[in-house]
Amino acid sequence: MSTVSQVGGPGAREQAGVRIRAFPTAVAGTLACYLTLELWDVFHYDWLRSYDAWASSLYADSIQRHHALPTAATSDVWHNPPLFYAIAAVIQPHAGWLGIEPHKAVQLVSVFCGLAVVVLSMLVARELFPESRWVQLGTLLGVAATPVLLRGSIMYHPEPLATALATGGLFLAVRAACRGWTRRLGAAAGLLLGLANLTRTWALAEAVAVAVIVAVAWLRSRDAGARRFLACFVVVLVVLSAPWYVRQTVRYGNPFAFSKPDPYQWLPSGRPVSFFTTLDAKDVFTNPYQPTYANVLLPVVYTDWWGDYSRYFHVPQTETDAPAKLPSRYRGPMVLQSVVGVLPTLAALAALVGLAFAAVRTRSAALGIALGAGVLVLASFVAFLVHYPKRDGDNIKALYVLDVVPLFGLCVGWSSDWLRRHSSRVVLGAVLAWIVVTGAYDVSFLIL
């Protein structure tokens, strides 16, 4: 006889059944809402408003029509790895049978990549915290409600595909750390992260994080399984990624060669201290869009993550560059988004510290992989901005750290579970009420 039957009888069994059904219902409902919102937005969003959209289409055309990678004379994004553009080149000529514009079909690929990021992020949380439905559901909701993911996933841009592939690779690495190192998981993780590297070079940081953490785990434990996982991971990753980096080195003298179509726009390498320390809190909560506080790190990334700093999503195209001060109908929602982002951002930062302490204390390779990947992506982004400083700061985009969204969601989920376990019902209820209210603003902002 089951424990539920012995202790609680039919009433207890019914309550347990409701709890068991509530979780998958919440997950399915969240995914359905996310996909519905994305499909609505993608058919209300002009593909040409995506970052570097025209240059990206020229890259795809070069592959489709000339069966060759573009040069600097062909496309301004010649420096990007080719996988996304190759997929676009395959899809676009055959999109007619769907009855949609060819570029729109590629946007739909980005939509489903965004959905994959949401699902995979929750699966990472499930591996790390299998007993906590709060962490799992909090991660799912945190990722699904992150504006930069929803905005980026309707664009004609390689970032969503790269993030989906990289998150898949991280999930497999975390799964191996939790359940046992195997050659198959090592090869599969190397495959996904290798393909991510062929889409966006940010994924290299995540691959390095996986390799370093697994190597440390192997050196500490001398587990032959970890050694085999690492060997398979590195071999597959190198076989897939190395040809691209070798090509760039041979042709351009740098494996990370980068386009500078307008030399006047670029400054010598380096950034002043104010670039990293300026907060401009007043403007963040009054005029959170370009050109306000241009070319400073934290205000731009924060308002681009939560709102529409670059005016590429919420603001009509006629208002993209001018006037400097937007009408209140467009400015107001972005100001609210700055407010919406305060609590989850602070909670995620606090959780990042807590998870880092937990990873060190427990020597958890799985947590180390999840945290290390996100931290190295952020470090790579900052290094990129230091090495390639642009006068107008146009290369400071939250989309470029889209790979951090799974870690952000995990931190939000962990912090919600910590709050549930360590606070009174009154405090928990107040926080949840605030989240519901601000979440409603967040969703309304994201509906085009």
Foldseek 3Di string as FASTA:
>chain_A
DDPQCVPPNPVSVVVVVCVVVVLVVLLVVLLVVLLVLLVLQLVVADQVLFVQSVLLQQQLCCCQPVVDGDDVVRGLFSLFFCPLSVVLSVQQVVCVVVVDHSLSVSLVVLSVLLSLLLVLLLLLQCLVCVPDSLLSSLLSVLLSLWQLSSVNSSYSALLSVLLSLLSVLLSLLLNCLRPHAALVSLLSSLQSLLVSCSRGVLSVQLLVLSLVLLVVVCVVPVDVSSVSSNVNSVVSSCVRRVVQLVVCCVVPVGSNDHGDPDVVFWDAFADDPQLAVPDPVVCLLQPQAPPPPFRHADSVLLLLRQHPRQCSRLHDPVPRPDDRGDPCVRRVLSSLSSVLSPVLVVQLVVLLVVLVVVCVVVVRSSSSSLSSSLVSSVVVLVNVCRRTPTNRNPSRHNSSSSSNSSSSSSSSSVSLVVCVVPDDPVVNVVVVVSNVVSSVSSSVSSRD
